[in-house]
Amino acid sequence: MIKKFLYASLSLALAFSTAGCDVDKTEDGRLPNVDVDVSGDPGKLPEYDVDGPDVDVSMEEKEISVPDVDVDMEKKKVKVPDVDVDLPADE
């Protein structure tokens, strides 16, 4: 169950990080010269300026009904993901 939660969380984070990107084409690309000489012009890919989304996450307190369950707890060591995200600065 923990793996499903982690996979779902990571998938959701990936979806939000890619869906809100702002992509601006900054330079056109061009194809290389078509000849067999390897010392010729290698060509160039187009350049893009990509800015990631600004995501604000907050917590709020709500009252909900939950079942009262008695559970015996024990401590176990498990590996959990540690994700650091550095977004580009606004210009």
PDB file of N, CA and C in Angstrom:
ATOM      1  N   MET A   1       0.822  -1.194   0.000  1.00  0.00           N
ATOM      2  CA  MET A   1       0.000   0.000   0.000  1.00  0.00           C
ATOM      3  C   MET A   1       0.865   1.257   0.000  1.00  0.00           C
ATOM      4  N   ILE A   2       1.989   1.194   0.723  1.00  0.00           N
ATOM      5  CA  ILE A   2       2.879   2.352   0.765  1.00  0.00           C
ATOM      6  C   ILE A   2       3.477   2.600  -0.615  1.00  0.00           C
ATOM      7  N   LYS A   3       3.829   1.510  -1.327  1.00  0.00           N
ATOM      8  CA  LYS A   3       4.399   1.679  -2.665  1.00  0.00           C
ATOM      9  C   LYS A   3       3.398   2.330  -3.607  1.00  0.00           C
ATOM     10  N   LYS A   4       2.137   1.912  -3.527  1.00  0.00           N
ATOM     11  CA  LYS A   4       1.117   2.507  -4.389  1.00  0.00           C
ATOM     12  C   LYS A   4       0.968   3.995  -4.103  1.00  0.00           C
ATOM     13  N   PHE A   5       0.994   4.357  -2.812  1.00  0.00           N
ATOM     14  CA  PHE A   5       0.878   5.763  -2.439  1.00  0.00           C
ATOM     15  C   PHE A   5       2.069   6.559  -2.959  1.00  0.00           C
ATOM     16  N   LEU A   6       3.278   6.006  -2.817  1.00  0.00           N
ATOM     17  CA  LEU A   6       4.474   6.701  -3.290  1.00  0.00           C
ATOM     18  C   LEU A   6       4.458   6.863  -4.811  1.00  0.00           C
ATOM     19  N   TYR A   7       4.085   5.777  -5.517  1.00  0.00           N
ATOM     20  CA  TYR A   7       4.022   5.869  -6.977  1.00  0.00           C
ATOM     21  C   TYR A   7       2.966   6.879  -7.418  1.00  0.00           C
ATOM     22  N   ALA A   8       1.827   6.888  -6.753  1.00  0.00           N
ATOM     23  CA  ALA A   8       0.770   7.840  -7.096  1.00  0.00           C
ATOM     24  C   ALA A   8       1.225   9.266  -6.815  1.00  0.00           C
ATOM     25  N   SER A   9       1.908   9.485  -5.692  1.00  0.00           N
ATOM     26  CA  SER A   9       2.395  10.818  -5.350  1.00  0.00           C
ATOM     27  C   SER A   9       3.433  11.311  -6.351  1.00  0.00           C
ATOM     28  N   LEU A  10       4.370  10.443  -6.699  1.00  0.00           N
ATOM     29  CA  LEU A  10       5.399  10.835  -7.661  1.00  0.00           C
ATOM     30  C   LEU A  10       4.804  11.084  -9.047  1.00  0.00           C
ATOM     31  N   SER A  11       3.826  10.278  -9.441  1.00  0.00           N
ATOM     32  CA  SER A  11       3.171  10.479 -10.731  1.00  0.00           C
ATOM     33  C   SER A  11       2.426  11.799 -10.760  1.00  0.00           C
ATOM     34  N   LEU A  12       1.748  12.123  -9.667  1.00  0.00           N
ATOM     35  CA  LEU A  12       1.015  13.380  -9.588  1.00  0.00           C
ATOM     36  C   LEU A  12       1.967  14.565  -9.628  1.00  0.00           C
ATOM     37  N   ALA A  13       3.077  14.474  -8.909  1.00  0.00           N
ATOM     38  CA  ALA A  13       4.070  15.548  -8.912  1.00  0.00           C
ATOM     39  C   ALA A  13       4.656  15.743 -10.304  1.00  0.00           C
ATOM     40  N   LEU A  14       4.931  14.646 -11.004  1.00  0.00           N
ATOM     41  CA  LEU A  14       5.455  14.737 -12.361  1.00  0.00           C
ATOM     42  C   LEU A  14       4.432  15.368 -13.302  1.00  0.00           C
ATOM     43  N   ALA A  15       3.170  14.999 -13.147  1.00  0.00           N
ATOM     44  CA  ALA A  15       2.122  15.553 -14.005  1.00  0.00           C
ATOM     45  C   ALA A  15       1.989  17.059 -13.799  1.00  0.00           C
ATOM     46  N   PHE A  16       2.014  17.506 -12.532  1.00  0.00           N
ATOM     47  CA  PHE A  16       1.904  18.936 -12.267  1.00  0.00           C
ATOM     48  C   PHE A  16       3.125  19.694 -12.752  1.00  0.00           C
ATOM     49  N   SER A  17       4.311  19.101 -12.608  1.00  0.00           N
ATOM     50  CA  SER A  17       5.519  19.816 -12.999  1.00  0.00           C
ATOM     51  C   SER A  17       5.647  19.955 -14.511  1.00  0.00           C
ATOM     52  N   THR A  18       5.124  19.001 -15.278  1.00  0.00           N
ATOM     53  CA  THR A  18       5.243  19.101 -16.729  1.00  0.00           C
ATOM     54  C   THR A  18       4.046  19.796 -17.372  1.00  0.00           C
ATOM     55  N   ALA A  19       2.879  19.733 -16.755  1.00  0.00           N
ATOM     56  CA  ALA A  19       1.680  20.306 -17.367  1.00  0.00           C
ATOM     57  C   ALA A  19       1.687  21.821 -17.331  1.00  0.00           C
ATOM     58  N   GLY A  20       2.343  22.424 -16.365  1.00  0.00           N
ATOM     59  CA  GLY A  20       2.291  23.873 -16.221  1.00  0.00           C
ATOM     60  C   GLY A  20       3.519  24.589 -16.733  1.00  0.00           C
ATOM     61  N   CYS A  21       4.334  23.945 -17.539  1.00  0.00           N
ATOM     62  CA  CYS A  21       5.556  24.582 -18.040  1.00  0.00           C
ATOM     63  C   CYS A  21       5.241  25.635 -19.079  1.00  0.00           C
ATOM     64  N   ASP A  22       6.023  26.683 -19.073  1.00  0.00           N
ATOM     65  CA  ASP A  22       5.927  27.737 -20.068  1.00  0.00           C
ATOM     66  C   ASP A  22       7.144  27.599 -20.975  1.00  0.00           C
ATOM     67  N   VAL A  23       6.922  27.232 -22.233  1.00  0.00           N
ATOM     68  CA  VAL A  23       8.020  26.998 -23.161  1.00  0.00           C
ATOM     69  C   VAL A  23       8.008  28.074 -24.228  1.00  0.00           C
ATOM     70  N   ASP A  24       9.127  28.764 -24.373  1.00  0.00           N
ATOM     71  CA  ASP A  24       9.288  29.792 -25.398  1.00  0.00           C
ATOM     72  C   ASP A  24      10.445  29.396 -26.298  1.00  0.00           C
ATOM     73  N   LYS A  25      10.196  29.337 -27.612  1.00  0.00           N
ATOM     74  CA  LYS A  25      11.262  29.023 -28.562  1.00  0.00           C
ATOM     75  C   LYS A  25      12.138  30.264 -28.700  1.00  0.00           C
ATOM     76  N   THR A  26      13.426  30.114 -28.422  1.00  0.00           N
ATOM     77  CA  THR A  26      14.331  31.266 -28.436  1.00  0.00           C
ATOM     78  C   THR A  26      15.200  31.327 -29.680  1.00  0.00           C
ATOM     79  N   GLU A  27      15.339  30.209 -30.411  1.00  0.00           N
ATOM     80  CA  GLU A  27      16.169  30.218 -31.605  1.00  0.00           C
ATOM     81  C   GLU A  27      15.746  29.079 -32.521  1.00  0.00           C
ATOM     82  N   ASP A  28      15.739  29.347 -33.842  1.00  0.00           N
ATOM     83  CA  ASP A  28      15.383  28.312 -34.808  1.00  0.00           C
ATOM     84  C   ASP A  28      16.520  27.312 -34.969  1.00  0.00           C
ATOM     85  N   GLY A  29      16.174  26.109 -35.321  1.00  0.00           N
ATOM     86  CA  GLY A  29      17.169  25.089 -35.596  1.00  0.00           C
ATOM     87  C   GLY A  29      17.447  25.012 -37.090  1.00  0.00           C
ATOM     88  N   ARG A  30      18.475  24.279 -37.437  1.00  0.00           N
ATOM     89  CA  ARG A  30      18.764  24.074 -38.852  1.00  0.00           C
ATOM     90  C   ARG A  30      19.368  22.698 -39.024  1.00  0.00           C
ATOM     91  N   LEU A  31      19.167  22.132 -40.181  1.00  0.00           N
ATOM     92  CA  LEU A  31      19.686  20.801 -40.482  1.00  0.00           C
ATOM     93  C   LEU A  31      21.147  20.899 -40.903  1.00  0.00           C
ATOM     94  N   PRO A  32      21.910  19.843 -40.685  1.00  0.00           N
ATOM     95  CA  PRO A  32      23.311  19.860 -41.093  1.00  0.00           C
ATOM     96  C   PRO A  32      23.429  19.735 -42.616  1.00  0.00           C
ATOM     97  N   ASN A  33      24.585  20.103 -43.129  1.00  0.00           N
ATOM     98  CA  ASN A  33      24.863  19.888 -44.546  1.00  0.00           C
ATOM     99  C   ASN A  33      24.873  18.385 -44.806  1.00  0.00           C
ATOM    100  N   VAL A  34      24.276  17.994 -45.921  1.00  0.00           N
ATOM    101  CA  VAL A  34      24.204  16.556 -46.225  1.00  0.00           C
ATOM    102  C   VAL A  34      25.334  16.206 -47.181  1.00  0.00           C
ATOM    103  N   ASP A  35      26.453  15.797 -46.617  1.00  0.00           N
ATOM    104  CA  ASP A  35      27.552  15.247 -47.381  1.00  0.00           C
ATOM    105  C   ASP A  35      28.270  14.230 -46.491  1.00  0.00           C
ATOM    106  N   VAL A  36      29.138  13.462 -47.078  1.00  0.00           N
ATOM    107  CA  VAL A  36      29.773  12.383 -46.340  1.00  0.00           C
ATOM    108  C   VAL A  36      30.977  12.887 -45.546  1.00  0.00           C
ATOM    109  N   ASP A  37      31.417  14.074 -45.790  1.00  0.00           N
ATOM    110  CA  ASP A  37      32.578  14.633 -45.103  1.00  0.00           C
ATOM    111  C   ASP A  37      32.242  14.852 -43.621  1.00  0.00           C
ATOM    112  N   VAL A  38      32.956  14.176 -42.728  1.00  0.00           N
ATOM    113  CA  VAL A  38      32.661  14.270 -41.297  1.00  0.00           C
ATOM    114  C   VAL A  38      33.164  15.574 -40.706  1.00  0.00           C
ATOM    115  N   SER A  39      34.028  16.250 -41.361  1.00  0.00           N
ATOM    116  CA  SER A  39      34.550  17.496 -40.816  1.00  0.00           C
ATOM    117  C   SER A  39      33.654  18.683 -41.188  1.00  0.00           C
ATOM    118  N   GLY A  40      32.500  18.424 -41.803  1.00  0.00           N
ATOM    119  CA  GLY A  40      31.578  19.489 -42.200  1.00  0.00           C
ATOM    120  C   GLY A  40      30.813  20.068 -41.019  1.00  0.00           C
ATOM    121  N   ASP A  41      29.862  20.929 -41.306  1.00  0.00           N
ATOM    122  CA  ASP A  41      29.043  21.593 -40.296  1.00  0.00           C
ATOM    123  C   ASP A  41      28.114  20.569 -39.631  1.00  0.00           C
ATOM    124  N   PRO A  42      28.184  20.409 -38.302  1.00  0.00           N
ATOM    125  CA  PRO A  42      27.382  19.382 -37.645  1.00  0.00           C
ATOM    126  C   PRO A  42      25.911  19.743 -37.485  1.00  0.00           C
ATOM    127  N   GLY A  43      25.496  20.931 -37.815  1.00  0.00           N
ATOM    128  CA  GLY A  43      24.098  21.318 -37.646  1.00  0.00           C
ATOM    129  C   GLY A  43      23.842  21.853 -36.254  1.00  0.00           C
ATOM    130  N   LYS A  44      22.571  22.227 -35.989  1.00  0.00           N
ATOM    131  CA  LYS A  44      22.251  22.834 -34.711  1.00  0.00           C
ATOM    132  C   LYS A  44      20.786  22.574 -34.379  1.00  0.00           C
ATOM    133  N   LEU A  45      20.492  22.210 -33.136  1.00  0.00           N
ATOM    134  CA  LEU A  45      19.121  22.017 -32.678  1.00  0.00           C
ATOM    135  C   LEU A  45      18.513  23.348 -32.251  1.00  0.00           C
ATOM    136  N   PRO A  46      17.186  23.483 -32.294  1.00  0.00           N
ATOM    137  CA  PRO A  46      16.572  24.730 -31.828  1.00  0.00           C
ATOM    138  C   PRO A  46      16.745  24.879 -30.313  1.00  0.00           C
ATOM    139  N   GLU A  47      16.772  26.122 -29.859  1.00  0.00           N
ATOM    140  CA  GLU A  47      16.887  26.386 -28.428  1.00  0.00           C
ATOM    141  C   GLU A  47      15.529  26.807 -27.887  1.00  0.00           C
ATOM    142  N   TYR A  48      15.234  26.405 -26.657  1.00  0.00           N
ATOM    143  CA  TYR A  48      13.976  26.740 -25.994  1.00  0.00           C
ATOM    144  C   TYR A  48      14.263  27.284 -24.604  1.00  0.00           C
ATOM    145  N   ASP A  49      13.448  28.223 -24.165  1.00  0.00           N
ATOM    146  CA  ASP A  49      13.500  28.743 -22.807  1.00  0.00           C
ATOM    147  C   ASP A  49      12.302  28.167 -22.074  1.00  0.00           C
ATOM    148  N   VAL A  50      12.536  27.311 -21.067  1.00  0.00           N
ATOM    149  CA  VAL A  50      11.456  26.617 -20.369  1.00  0.00           C
ATOM    150  C   VAL A  50      11.413  27.083 -18.919  1.00  0.00           C
ATOM    151  N   ASP A  51      10.260  27.590 -18.484  1.00  0.00           N
ATOM    152  CA  ASP A  51      10.044  27.987 -17.099  1.00  0.00           C
ATOM    153  C   ASP A  51       9.026  27.042 -16.485  1.00  0.00           C
ATOM    154  N   GLY A  52       9.346  26.471 -15.334  1.00  0.00           N
ATOM    155  CA  GLY A  52       8.451  25.545 -14.648  1.00  0.00           C
ATOM    156  C   GLY A  52       7.320  26.269 -13.931  1.00  0.00           C
ATOM    157  N   PRO A  53       6.336  25.507 -13.472  1.00  0.00           N
ATOM    158  CA  PRO A  53       5.176  26.115 -12.819  1.00  0.00           C
ATOM    159  C   PRO A  53       5.492  26.566 -11.392  1.00  0.00           C
ATOM    160  N   ASP A  54       4.685  27.479 -10.884  1.00  0.00           N
ATOM    161  CA  ASP A  54       4.759  27.910  -9.503  1.00  0.00           C
ATOM    162  C   ASP A  54       3.642  27.197  -8.759  1.00  0.00           C
ATOM    163  N   VAL A  55       4.000  26.283  -7.853  1.00  0.00           N
ATOM    164  CA  VAL A  55       3.015  25.473  -7.142  1.00  0.00           C
ATOM    165  C   VAL A  55       3.011  25.878  -5.673  1.00  0.00           C
ATOM    166  N   ASP A  56       1.856  26.269  -5.171  1.00  0.00           N
ATOM    167  CA  ASP A  56       1.706  26.608  -3.759  1.00  0.00           C
ATOM    168  C   ASP A  56       0.890  25.512  -3.082  1.00  0.00           C
ATOM    169  N   VAL A  57       1.432  24.953  -2.016  1.00  0.00           N
ATOM    170  CA  VAL A  57       0.754  23.905  -1.266  1.00  0.00           C
ATOM    171  C   VAL A  57       0.554  24.399   0.152  1.00  0.00           C
ATOM    172  N   SER A  58      -0.667  24.298   0.651  1.00  0.00           N
ATOM    173  CA  SER A  58      -0.937  24.725   2.016  1.00  0.00           C
ATOM    174  C   SER A  58      -1.766  23.664   2.715  1.00  0.00           C
ATOM    175  N   MET A  59      -1.841  23.766   4.020  1.00  0.00           N
ATOM    176  CA  MET A  59      -2.607  22.830   4.832  1.00  0.00           C
ATOM    177  C   MET A  59      -3.769  23.589   5.470  1.00  0.00           C
ATOM    178  N   GLU A  60      -4.890  22.916   5.576  1.00  0.00           N
ATOM    179  CA  GLU A  60      -6.012  23.495   6.292  1.00  0.00           C
ATOM    180  C   GLU A  60      -6.624  22.412   7.170  1.00  0.00           C
ATOM    181  N   GLU A  61      -7.233  22.828   8.230  1.00  0.00           N
ATOM    182  CA  GLU A  61      -7.795  21.875   9.174  1.00  0.00           C
ATOM    183  C   GLU A  61      -9.290  21.741   8.933  1.00  0.00           C
ATOM    184  N   LYS A  62      -9.761  20.499   8.819  1.00  0.00           N
ATOM    185  CA  LYS A  62     -11.174  20.209   8.644  1.00  0.00           C
ATOM    186  C   LYS A  62     -11.570  19.104   9.599  1.00  0.00           C
ATOM    187  N   GLU A  63     -12.834  19.096   9.995  1.00  0.00           N
ATOM    188  CA  GLU A  63     -13.337  18.056  10.879  1.00  0.00           C
ATOM    189  C   GLU A  63     -14.092  17.026  10.049  1.00  0.00           C
ATOM    190  N   ILE A  64     -13.666  15.771  10.163  1.00  0.00           N
ATOM    191  CA  ILE A  64     -14.307  14.690   9.424  1.00  0.00           C
ATOM    192  C   ILE A  64     -14.561  13.523  10.367  1.00  0.00           C
ATOM    193  N   SER A  65     -15.462  12.651   9.991  1.00  0.00           N
ATOM    194  CA  SER A  65     -15.748  11.458  10.791  1.00  0.00           C
ATOM    195  C   SER A  65     -14.813  10.336  10.357  1.00  0.00           C
ATOM    196  N   VAL A  66     -14.147   9.722  11.342  1.00  0.00           N
ATOM    197  CA  VAL A  66     -13.240   8.623  11.064  1.00  0.00           C
ATOM    198  C   VAL A  66     -13.556   7.484  12.027  1.00  0.00           C
ATOM    199  N   PRO A  67     -13.292   6.243  11.631  1.00  0.00           N
ATOM    200  CA  PRO A  67     -13.551   5.123  12.545  1.00  0.00           C
ATOM    201  C   PRO A  67     -12.516   5.081  13.668  1.00  0.00           C
ATOM    202  N   ASP A  68     -12.929   4.592  14.826  1.00  0.00           N
ATOM    203  CA  ASP A  68     -12.030   4.423  15.957  1.00  0.00           C
ATOM    204  C   ASP A  68     -11.482   2.993  15.898  1.00  0.00           C
ATOM    205  N   VAL A  69     -10.196   2.870  15.595  1.00  0.00           N
ATOM    206  CA  VAL A  69      -9.573   1.567  15.403  1.00  0.00           C
ATOM    207  C   VAL A  69      -8.396   1.451  16.357  1.00  0.00           C
ATOM    208  N   ASP A  70      -8.297   0.305  17.044  1.00  0.00           N
ATOM    209  CA  ASP A  70      -7.149   0.046  17.897  1.00  0.00           C
ATOM    210  C   ASP A  70      -6.110  -0.717  17.085  1.00  0.00           C
ATOM    211  N   VAL A  71      -4.895  -0.181  17.036  1.00  0.00           N
ATOM    212  CA  VAL A  71      -3.835  -0.773  16.227  1.00  0.00           C
ATOM    213  C   VAL A  71      -2.582  -0.905  17.079  1.00  0.00           C
ATOM    214  N   ASP A  72      -1.935  -2.064  17.008  1.00  0.00           N
ATOM    215  CA  ASP A  72      -0.651  -2.249  17.667  1.00  0.00           C
ATOM    216  C   ASP A  72       0.424  -1.748  16.707  1.00  0.00           C
ATOM    217  N   MET A  73       1.210  -0.782  17.173  1.00  0.00           N
ATOM    218  CA  MET A  73       2.222  -0.169  16.317  1.00  0.00           C
ATOM    219  C   MET A  73       3.589  -0.770  16.619  1.00  0.00           C
ATOM    220  N   GLU A  74       4.402  -0.909  15.588  1.00  0.00           N
ATOM    221  CA  GLU A  74       5.791  -1.301  15.747  1.00  0.00           C
ATOM    222  C   GLU A  74       6.607  -0.489  14.762  1.00  0.00           C
ATOM    223  N   LYS A  75       7.852  -0.238  15.118  1.00  0.00           N
ATOM    224  CA  LYS A  75       8.711   0.582  14.263  1.00  0.00           C
ATOM    225  C   LYS A  75       9.470  -0.302  13.292  1.00  0.00           C
ATOM    226  N   LYS A  76       9.503   0.122  12.032  1.00  0.00           N
ATOM    227  CA  LYS A  76      10.275  -0.549  10.990  1.00  0.00           C
ATOM    228  C   LYS A  76      10.991   0.513  10.183  1.00  0.00           C
ATOM    229  N   LYS A  77      12.140   0.150   9.650  1.00  0.00           N
ATOM    230  CA  LYS A  77      12.863   1.065   8.779  1.00  0.00           C
ATOM    231  C   LYS A  77      12.493   0.748   7.338  1.00  0.00           C
ATOM    232  N   VAL A  78      12.064   1.769   6.626  1.00  0.00           N
ATOM    233  CA  VAL A  78      11.724   1.632   5.213  1.00  0.00           C
ATOM    234  C   VAL A  78      12.400   2.762   4.451  1.00  0.00           C
ATOM    235  N   LYS A  79      12.637   2.551   3.173  1.00  0.00           N
ATOM    236  CA  LYS A  79      13.215   3.595   2.331  1.00  0.00           C
ATOM    237  C   LYS A  79      12.091   4.432   1.742  1.00  0.00           C
ATOM    238  N   VAL A  80      12.227   5.738   1.849  1.00  0.00           N
ATOM    239  CA  VAL A  80      11.235   6.664   1.300  1.00  0.00           C
ATOM    240  C   VAL A  80      11.960   7.643   0.388  1.00  0.00           C
ATOM    241  N   PRO A  81      11.284   8.172  -0.610  1.00  0.00           N
ATOM    242  CA  PRO A  81      11.948   9.114  -1.522  1.00  0.00           C
ATOM    243  C   PRO A  81      12.188  10.462  -0.841  1.00  0.00           C
ATOM    244  N   ASP A  82      13.279  11.089  -1.210  1.00  0.00           N
ATOM    245  CA  ASP A  82      13.611  12.430  -0.752  1.00  0.00           C
ATOM    246  C   ASP A  82      13.752  13.273  -2.011  1.00  0.00           C
ATOM    247  N   VAL A  83      12.769  14.113  -2.274  1.00  0.00           N
ATOM    248  CA  VAL A  83      12.714  14.857  -3.528  1.00  0.00           C
ATOM    249  C   VAL A  83      12.995  16.330  -3.258  1.00  0.00           C
ATOM    250  N   ASP A  84      13.973  16.889  -3.954  1.00  0.00           N
ATOM    251  CA  ASP A  84      14.270  18.313  -3.899  1.00  0.00           C
ATOM    252  C   ASP A  84      14.022  18.884  -5.288  1.00  0.00           C
ATOM    253  N   VAL A  85      13.241  19.962  -5.359  1.00  0.00           N
ATOM    254  CA  VAL A  85      12.917  20.579  -6.640  1.00  0.00           C
ATOM    255  C   VAL A  85      13.405  22.011  -6.623  1.00  0.00           C
ATOM    256  N   ASP A  86      14.231  22.380  -7.589  1.00  0.00           N
ATOM    257  CA  ASP A  86      14.702  23.738  -7.762  1.00  0.00           C
ATOM    258  C   ASP A  86      14.060  24.297  -9.014  1.00  0.00           C
ATOM    259  N   LEU A  87      13.130  25.228  -8.846  1.00  0.00           N
ATOM    260  CA  LEU A  87      12.449  25.823  -9.990  1.00  0.00           C
ATOM    261  C   LEU A  87      13.223  27.026 -10.493  1.00  0.00           C
ATOM    262  N   PRO A  88      13.086  27.364 -11.765  1.00  0.00           N
ATOM    263  CA  PRO A  88      13.791  28.520 -12.310  1.00  0.00           C
ATOM    264  C   PRO A  88      13.232  29.813 -11.715  1.00  0.00           C
ATOM    265  N   ALA A  89      14.086  30.798 -11.576  1.00  0.00           N
ATOM    266  CA  ALA A  89      13.663  32.088 -11.037  1.00  0.00           C
ATOM    267  C   ALA A  89      12.837  32.846 -12.070  1.00  0.00           C
ATOM    268  N   ASP A  90      11.840  33.597 -11.598  1.00  0.00           N
ATOM    269  CA  ASP A  90      11.025  34.432 -12.489  1.00  0.00           C
ATOM    270  C   ASP A  90      11.861  35.587 -13.004  1.00  0.00           C
ATOM    271  N   GLU A  91      11.738  35.858 -14.283  1.00  0.00           N
ATOM    272  CA  GLU A  91      12.500  36.959 -14.866  1.00  0.00           C
ATOM    273  C   GLU A  91      11.587  38.095 -15.215  1.00  0.00           C
TER     274      GLU A  91
END
